[in-house]
Amino acid sequence: MNNLQLLKYIFIIAITAVIAFFIHTYVLKQLELPAYGNKIILSYILNTILAIGILLALYFFRHKFKQQLGFLFMVGSFLKFTCFFIFFYPSFRADGDISNLEFASFFVPYATCLFTETLGGIKLLNSLD
C-alpha cells in the first residue's frame, strides 16, 4: 500500500460514514424519531476519526511492527470501546436502560467504520507480502 492508496481508504472511510449518517438520520426522520438525538453526530465523528487514526497507525507502523499489526488493529477496537464507555455509556445508562435508538446511534457508525477500516487493513496486510 502506498500513500495514494492510503488516502483512497481514508476517503472511503469518510465518505462511507457520511453516506451512512445521512441514511441513518433519514430513516429516523421517516419513522418520526429524533434524528439527531442520542449523540448520533458525536458517534459518527468519533468513529470516523478513530477508524482513520487506526488505519494511519497501521500504515505508519507497518514495517516496524509487521508481525504485530493484527494486535495493533485489536488495540484500536479496544480504543473504540473505551471511547464508548467514556463518551456514550454514562448518558445512555442515565435512565437505567439502553434503548434500541441509543444502541443504534453508536453501533451503526461503529459497524460502518469498522467495515471500511477492515477493508483498508486487509489491503495493507496483503501489500506487505
N, C-alpha and C. Protein backbone atom coordinates (compact mmCIF):
# COMPACT_ATOMS: atom_id res chain seq x y z
N MET A 1 0.85 -1.17 0.00
CA MET A 1 0.00 0.00 0.00
C MET A 1 0.90 1.23 0.00
N ASN A 2 0.62 2.14 -0.91
CA ASN A 2 1.38 3.39 -0.97
C ASN A 2 0.54 4.54 -0.40
N ASN A 3 1.12 5.72 -0.41
CA ASN A 3 0.44 6.88 0.16
C ASN A 3 -0.88 7.19 -0.54
N LEU A 4 -0.91 7.02 -1.85
CA LEU A 4 -2.13 7.29 -2.61
C LEU A 4 -3.23 6.30 -2.24
N GLN A 5 -2.88 5.05 -2.09
CA GLN A 5 -3.87 4.05 -1.67
C GLN A 5 -4.35 4.32 -0.25
N LEU A 6 -3.46 4.77 0.62
CA LEU A 6 -3.85 5.12 1.98
C LEU A 6 -4.87 6.25 1.95
N LEU A 7 -4.61 7.28 1.18
CA LEU A 7 -5.55 8.39 1.06
C LEU A 7 -6.89 7.92 0.49
N LYS A 8 -6.84 6.98 -0.43
CA LYS A 8 -8.06 6.41 -1.01
C LYS A 8 -8.90 5.75 0.09
N TYR A 9 -8.27 4.95 0.96
CA TYR A 9 -9.03 4.28 2.01
C TYR A 9 -9.50 5.25 3.09
N ILE A 10 -8.74 6.28 3.35
CA ILE A 10 -9.20 7.32 4.29
C ILE A 10 -10.45 7.99 3.71
N PHE A 11 -10.40 8.28 2.42
CA PHE A 11 -11.55 8.88 1.74
C PHE A 11 -12.74 7.93 1.78
N ILE A 12 -12.51 6.65 1.55
CA ILE A 12 -13.60 5.67 1.58
C ILE A 12 -14.23 5.61 2.97
N ILE A 13 -13.41 5.61 4.01
CA ILE A 13 -13.94 5.59 5.37
C ILE A 13 -14.81 6.82 5.61
N ALA A 14 -14.30 7.99 5.25
CA ALA A 14 -15.03 9.24 5.49
C ALA A 14 -16.33 9.30 4.68
N ILE A 15 -16.26 8.98 3.41
CA ILE A 15 -17.46 9.05 2.56
C ILE A 15 -18.50 8.02 2.98
N THR A 16 -18.07 6.83 3.31
CA THR A 16 -19.00 5.80 3.77
C THR A 16 -19.70 6.23 5.05
N ALA A 17 -18.95 6.84 5.96
CA ALA A 17 -19.55 7.33 7.21
C ALA A 17 -20.56 8.44 6.94
N VAL A 18 -20.24 9.34 6.03
CA VAL A 18 -21.17 10.43 5.70
C VAL A 18 -22.44 9.87 5.07
N ILE A 19 -22.29 8.94 4.14
CA ILE A 19 -23.47 8.34 3.50
C ILE A 19 -24.31 7.59 4.53
N ALA A 20 -23.66 6.82 5.39
CA ALA A 20 -24.38 6.08 6.44
C ALA A 20 -25.11 7.05 7.37
N PHE A 21 -24.45 8.17 7.71
CA PHE A 21 -25.08 9.16 8.58
C PHE A 21 -26.36 9.70 7.95
N PHE A 22 -26.31 10.05 6.67
CA PHE A 22 -27.50 10.60 6.01
C PHE A 22 -28.60 9.56 5.88
N ILE A 23 -28.24 8.33 5.58
CA ILE A 23 -29.24 7.27 5.52
C ILE A 23 -29.84 7.02 6.90
N HIS A 24 -28.98 6.95 7.91
CA HIS A 24 -29.41 6.70 9.29
C HIS A 24 -30.39 7.79 9.74
N THR A 25 -30.02 9.05 9.56
CA THR A 25 -30.90 10.14 10.01
C THR A 25 -32.17 10.22 9.15
N TYR A 26 -32.07 9.88 7.87
CA TYR A 26 -33.25 9.87 7.01
C TYR A 26 -34.25 8.82 7.50
N VAL A 27 -33.76 7.63 7.81
CA VAL A 27 -34.65 6.58 8.31
C VAL A 27 -35.29 7.00 9.63
N LEU A 28 -34.51 7.60 10.51
CA LEU A 28 -35.07 8.08 11.77
C LEU A 28 -36.16 9.12 11.55
N LYS A 29 -35.93 10.04 10.62
CA LYS A 29 -36.94 11.06 10.30
C LYS A 29 -38.20 10.41 9.73
N GLN A 30 -38.02 9.43 8.85
CA GLN A 30 -39.17 8.75 8.25
C GLN A 30 -39.99 7.99 9.30
N LEU A 31 -39.32 7.52 10.32
CA LEU A 31 -40.01 6.82 11.40
C LEU A 31 -40.51 7.78 12.48
N GLU A 32 -40.34 9.08 12.22
CA GLU A 32 -40.75 10.14 13.14
C GLU A 32 -40.09 9.98 14.51
N LEU A 33 -38.82 9.66 14.47
CA LEU A 33 -37.99 9.54 15.67
C LEU A 33 -36.99 10.69 15.67
N PRO A 34 -36.44 11.03 16.82
CA PRO A 34 -35.46 12.12 16.85
C PRO A 34 -34.21 11.75 16.03
N ALA A 35 -34.00 12.46 14.94
CA ALA A 35 -32.92 12.13 14.00
C ALA A 35 -31.54 12.47 14.55
N TYR A 36 -31.46 13.48 15.39
CA TYR A 36 -30.15 13.93 15.86
C TYR A 36 -29.99 13.76 17.36
N GLY A 37 -30.76 12.87 17.93
CA GLY A 37 -30.65 12.60 19.36
C GLY A 37 -29.63 11.51 19.64
N ASN A 38 -29.47 11.22 20.90
CA ASN A 38 -28.63 10.11 21.36
C ASN A 38 -27.18 10.23 20.92
N LYS A 39 -26.69 11.44 20.81
CA LYS A 39 -25.29 11.71 20.46
C LYS A 39 -24.88 11.09 19.13
N ILE A 40 -25.80 11.05 18.19
CA ILE A 40 -25.53 10.40 16.90
C ILE A 40 -24.43 11.12 16.12
N ILE A 41 -24.42 12.44 16.17
CA ILE A 41 -23.39 13.20 15.44
C ILE A 41 -22.02 12.91 16.04
N LEU A 42 -21.92 12.98 17.36
CA LEU A 42 -20.65 12.67 18.03
C LEU A 42 -20.20 11.26 17.71
N SER A 43 -21.14 10.34 17.65
CA SER A 43 -20.80 8.94 17.38
C SER A 43 -20.20 8.78 15.99
N TYR A 44 -20.81 9.39 14.99
CA TYR A 44 -20.26 9.29 13.64
C TYR A 44 -18.89 9.95 13.54
N ILE A 45 -18.77 11.13 14.13
CA ILE A 45 -17.48 11.84 14.08
C ILE A 45 -16.40 11.05 14.79
N LEU A 46 -16.69 10.59 16.00
CA LEU A 46 -15.69 9.87 16.79
C LEU A 46 -15.30 8.56 16.13
N ASN A 47 -16.27 7.80 15.65
CA ASN A 47 -15.95 6.52 15.00
C ASN A 47 -15.17 6.72 13.71
N THR A 48 -15.48 7.77 12.96
CA THR A 48 -14.75 8.05 11.72
C THR A 48 -13.31 8.44 12.02
N ILE A 49 -13.14 9.33 12.98
CA ILE A 49 -11.78 9.76 13.35
C ILE A 49 -10.96 8.58 13.88
N LEU A 50 -11.57 7.76 14.72
CA LEU A 50 -10.84 6.60 15.26
C LEU A 50 -10.48 5.60 14.15
N ALA A 51 -11.41 5.34 13.24
CA ALA A 51 -11.13 4.40 12.15
C ALA A 51 -9.98 4.91 11.28
N ILE A 52 -10.01 6.18 10.96
CA ILE A 52 -8.93 6.76 10.16
C ILE A 52 -7.62 6.72 10.95
N GLY A 53 -7.68 7.06 12.24
CA GLY A 53 -6.48 7.02 13.08
C GLY A 53 -5.88 5.64 13.19
N ILE A 54 -6.73 4.64 13.32
CA ILE A 54 -6.24 3.26 13.43
C ILE A 54 -5.58 2.83 12.12
N LEU A 55 -6.22 3.16 11.00
CA LEU A 55 -5.63 2.81 9.70
C LEU A 55 -4.30 3.53 9.50
N LEU A 56 -4.23 4.80 9.89
CA LEU A 56 -2.96 5.54 9.80
C LEU A 56 -1.89 4.91 10.68
N ALA A 57 -2.26 4.51 11.90
CA ALA A 57 -1.30 3.87 12.80
C ALA A 57 -0.78 2.57 12.19
N LEU A 58 -1.67 1.77 11.64
CA LEU A 58 -1.25 0.53 10.99
C LEU A 58 -0.30 0.82 9.83
N TYR A 59 -0.63 1.85 9.06
CA TYR A 59 0.21 2.21 7.92
C TYR A 59 1.60 2.65 8.37
N PHE A 60 1.65 3.53 9.36
CA PHE A 60 2.95 4.07 9.77
C PHE A 60 3.81 3.05 10.54
N PHE A 61 3.16 2.05 11.16
CA PHE A 61 3.91 1.03 11.89
C PHE A 61 4.04 -0.27 11.11
N ARG A 62 3.67 -0.25 9.82
CA ARG A 62 3.63 -1.49 9.01
C ARG A 62 4.98 -2.16 8.88
N HIS A 63 6.07 -1.42 8.93
CA HIS A 63 7.39 -2.04 8.81
C HIS A 63 7.99 -2.34 10.18
N LYS A 64 7.83 -1.42 11.10
CA LYS A 64 8.43 -1.57 12.42
C LYS A 64 7.78 -2.72 13.22
N PHE A 65 6.45 -2.84 13.11
CA PHE A 65 5.73 -3.87 13.85
C PHE A 65 4.96 -4.79 12.90
N LYS A 66 5.61 -5.23 11.87
CA LYS A 66 4.96 -6.04 10.83
C LYS A 66 4.23 -7.26 11.41
N GLN A 67 4.87 -7.93 12.35
CA GLN A 67 4.28 -9.14 12.93
C GLN A 67 3.17 -8.85 13.95
N GLN A 68 3.07 -7.61 14.41
CA GLN A 68 2.09 -7.26 15.44
C GLN A 68 0.94 -6.41 14.91
N LEU A 69 0.79 -6.26 13.61
CA LEU A 69 -0.26 -5.39 13.07
C LEU A 69 -1.66 -5.85 13.45
N GLY A 70 -1.88 -7.15 13.48
CA GLY A 70 -3.19 -7.66 13.91
C GLY A 70 -3.49 -7.28 15.35
N PHE A 71 -2.47 -7.36 16.18
CA PHE A 71 -2.63 -6.96 17.58
C PHE A 71 -2.92 -5.46 17.66
N LEU A 72 -2.22 -4.65 16.87
CA LEU A 72 -2.47 -3.21 16.86
C LEU A 72 -3.89 -2.90 16.41
N PHE A 73 -4.38 -3.66 15.45
CA PHE A 73 -5.76 -3.50 15.00
C PHE A 73 -6.74 -3.78 16.15
N MET A 74 -6.47 -4.83 16.90
CA MET A 74 -7.32 -5.17 18.05
C MET A 74 -7.25 -4.10 19.14
N VAL A 75 -6.07 -3.53 19.34
CA VAL A 75 -5.93 -2.43 20.30
C VAL A 75 -6.80 -1.25 19.86
N GLY A 76 -6.86 -1.01 18.55
CA GLY A 76 -7.71 0.05 18.03
C GLY A 76 -9.18 -0.21 18.34
N SER A 77 -9.62 -1.45 18.21
CA SER A 77 -11.00 -1.79 18.55
C SER A 77 -11.26 -1.60 20.04
N PHE A 78 -10.28 -1.95 20.85
CA PHE A 78 -10.39 -1.71 22.29
C PHE A 78 -10.51 -0.22 22.57
N LEU A 79 -9.76 0.59 21.85
CA LEU A 79 -9.83 2.04 21.99
C LEU A 79 -11.23 2.55 21.66
N LYS A 80 -11.83 2.01 20.62
CA LYS A 80 -13.20 2.41 20.26
C LYS A 80 -14.18 2.08 21.38
N PHE A 81 -14.06 0.90 21.95
CA PHE A 81 -14.97 0.54 23.04
C PHE A 81 -14.70 1.38 24.29
N THR A 82 -13.45 1.73 24.52
CA THR A 82 -13.12 2.62 25.63
C THR A 82 -13.81 3.96 25.44
N CYS A 83 -13.76 4.49 24.22
CA CYS A 83 -14.45 5.75 23.93
C CYS A 83 -15.95 5.62 24.14
N PHE A 84 -16.52 4.46 23.77
CA PHE A 84 -17.94 4.24 24.01
C PHE A 84 -18.25 4.35 25.50
N PHE A 85 -17.45 3.68 26.32
CA PHE A 85 -17.73 3.69 27.75
C PHE A 85 -17.45 5.04 28.40
N ILE A 86 -16.60 5.85 27.80
CA ILE A 86 -16.33 7.19 28.35
C ILE A 86 -17.37 8.20 27.88
N PHE A 87 -17.66 8.23 26.58
CA PHE A 87 -18.48 9.29 26.00
C PHE A 87 -19.96 8.96 25.86
N PHE A 88 -20.32 7.71 25.78
CA PHE A 88 -21.70 7.36 25.48
C PHE A 88 -22.41 6.60 26.60
N TYR A 89 -21.77 5.62 27.15
CA TYR A 89 -22.39 4.73 28.12
C TYR A 89 -23.02 5.47 29.30
N PRO A 90 -22.33 6.43 29.92
CA PRO A 90 -22.94 7.09 31.07
C PRO A 90 -24.28 7.77 30.74
N SER A 91 -24.35 8.47 29.61
CA SER A 91 -25.62 9.14 29.28
C SER A 91 -26.67 8.14 28.81
N PHE A 92 -26.24 7.06 28.15
CA PHE A 92 -27.20 6.05 27.72
C PHE A 92 -27.81 5.32 28.91
N ARG A 93 -27.02 5.10 29.95
CA ARG A 93 -27.49 4.39 31.13
C ARG A 93 -28.11 5.31 32.19
N ALA A 94 -28.19 6.59 31.91
CA ALA A 94 -28.71 7.55 32.89
C ALA A 94 -30.13 7.20 33.33
N ASP A 95 -30.94 6.68 32.42
CA ASP A 95 -32.31 6.31 32.77
C ASP A 95 -32.42 4.85 33.20
N GLY A 96 -31.29 4.16 33.30
CA GLY A 96 -31.29 2.77 33.75
C GLY A 96 -31.44 1.75 32.64
N ASP A 97 -31.57 2.22 31.40
CA ASP A 97 -31.79 1.30 30.28
C ASP A 97 -31.17 1.89 29.03
N ILE A 98 -30.59 1.04 28.20
CA ILE A 98 -30.08 1.48 26.90
C ILE A 98 -31.12 1.09 25.86
N SER A 99 -31.75 2.10 25.26
CA SER A 99 -32.80 1.84 24.28
C SER A 99 -32.20 1.39 22.95
N ASN A 100 -33.07 0.87 22.09
CA ASN A 100 -32.62 0.46 20.76
C ASN A 100 -32.08 1.65 19.97
N LEU A 101 -32.70 2.83 20.13
CA LEU A 101 -32.22 4.03 19.44
C LEU A 101 -30.83 4.42 19.92
N GLU A 102 -30.61 4.34 21.22
CA GLU A 102 -29.29 4.66 21.76
C GLU A 102 -28.25 3.66 21.26
N PHE A 103 -28.60 2.39 21.28
CA PHE A 103 -27.69 1.36 20.80
C PHE A 103 -27.36 1.59 19.32
N ALA A 104 -28.38 1.85 18.51
CA ALA A 104 -28.16 2.06 17.07
C ALA A 104 -27.35 3.32 16.80
N SER A 105 -27.52 4.34 17.63
CA SER A 105 -26.77 5.58 17.39
C SER A 105 -25.27 5.38 17.57
N PHE A 106 -24.87 4.38 18.32
CA PHE A 106 -23.44 4.07 18.41
C PHE A 106 -23.05 2.93 17.49
N PHE A 107 -23.87 1.88 17.44
CA PHE A 107 -23.45 0.67 16.73
C PHE A 107 -23.43 0.84 15.21
N VAL A 108 -24.37 1.56 14.64
CA VAL A 108 -24.39 1.73 13.18
C VAL A 108 -23.12 2.43 12.70
N PRO A 109 -22.72 3.57 13.29
CA PRO A 109 -21.45 4.16 12.84
C PRO A 109 -20.24 3.30 13.18
N TYR A 110 -20.29 2.62 14.32
CA TYR A 110 -19.18 1.73 14.69
C TYR A 110 -19.01 0.64 13.64
N ALA A 111 -20.10 -0.03 13.28
CA ALA A 111 -20.04 -1.13 12.32
C ALA A 111 -19.64 -0.62 10.93
N THR A 112 -20.17 0.51 10.54
CA THR A 112 -19.84 1.09 9.23
C THR A 112 -18.36 1.40 9.14
N CYS A 113 -17.84 2.08 10.14
CA CYS A 113 -16.42 2.45 10.12
C CYS A 113 -15.53 1.22 10.28
N LEU A 114 -15.96 0.27 11.10
CA LEU A 114 -15.18 -0.96 11.26
C LEU A 114 -15.06 -1.71 9.94
N PHE A 115 -16.15 -1.79 9.22
CA PHE A 115 -16.15 -2.49 7.94
C PHE A 115 -15.16 -1.85 6.97
N THR A 116 -15.25 -0.53 6.80
CA THR A 116 -14.37 0.13 5.84
C THR A 116 -12.92 0.17 6.33
N GLU A 117 -12.74 0.30 7.63
CA GLU A 117 -11.39 0.26 8.21
C GLU A 117 -10.76 -1.11 7.99
N THR A 118 -11.55 -2.15 8.14
CA THR A 118 -11.07 -3.52 7.95
C THR A 118 -10.65 -3.75 6.49
N LEU A 119 -11.43 -3.22 5.55
CA LEU A 119 -11.05 -3.34 4.14
C LEU A 119 -9.68 -2.70 3.90
N GLY A 120 -9.47 -1.52 4.47
CA GLY A 120 -8.17 -0.86 4.32
C GLY A 120 -7.06 -1.66 5.00
N GLY A 121 -7.37 -2.23 6.17
CA GLY A 121 -6.38 -3.05 6.88
C GLY A 121 -6.02 -4.30 6.10
N ILE A 122 -7.01 -4.92 5.47
CA ILE A 122 -6.75 -6.10 4.64
C ILE A 122 -5.83 -5.73 3.47
N LYS A 123 -6.15 -4.63 2.82
CA LYS A 123 -5.32 -4.18 1.70
C LYS A 123 -3.89 -3.91 2.16
N LEU A 124 -3.75 -3.29 3.33
CA LEU A 124 -2.43 -3.00 3.88
C LEU A 124 -1.66 -4.29 4.17
N LEU A 125 -2.31 -5.23 4.82
CA LEU A 125 -1.65 -6.50 5.17
C LEU A 125 -1.28 -7.29 3.91
N ASN A 126 -2.14 -7.29 2.92
CA ASN A 126 -1.83 -8.01 1.69
C ASN A 126 -0.68 -7.39 0.93
N SER A 127 -0.49 -6.09 1.09
CA SER A 127 0.60 -5.43 0.37
C SER A 127 1.96 -5.67 1.02
N LEU A 128 1.97 -6.24 2.22
CA LEU A 128 3.23 -6.46 2.93
C LEU A 128 3.92 -7.76 2.50
N ASP A 129 3.22 -8.61 1.80
CA ASP A 129 3.81 -9.90 1.39
C ASP A 129 4.89 -9.74 0.37
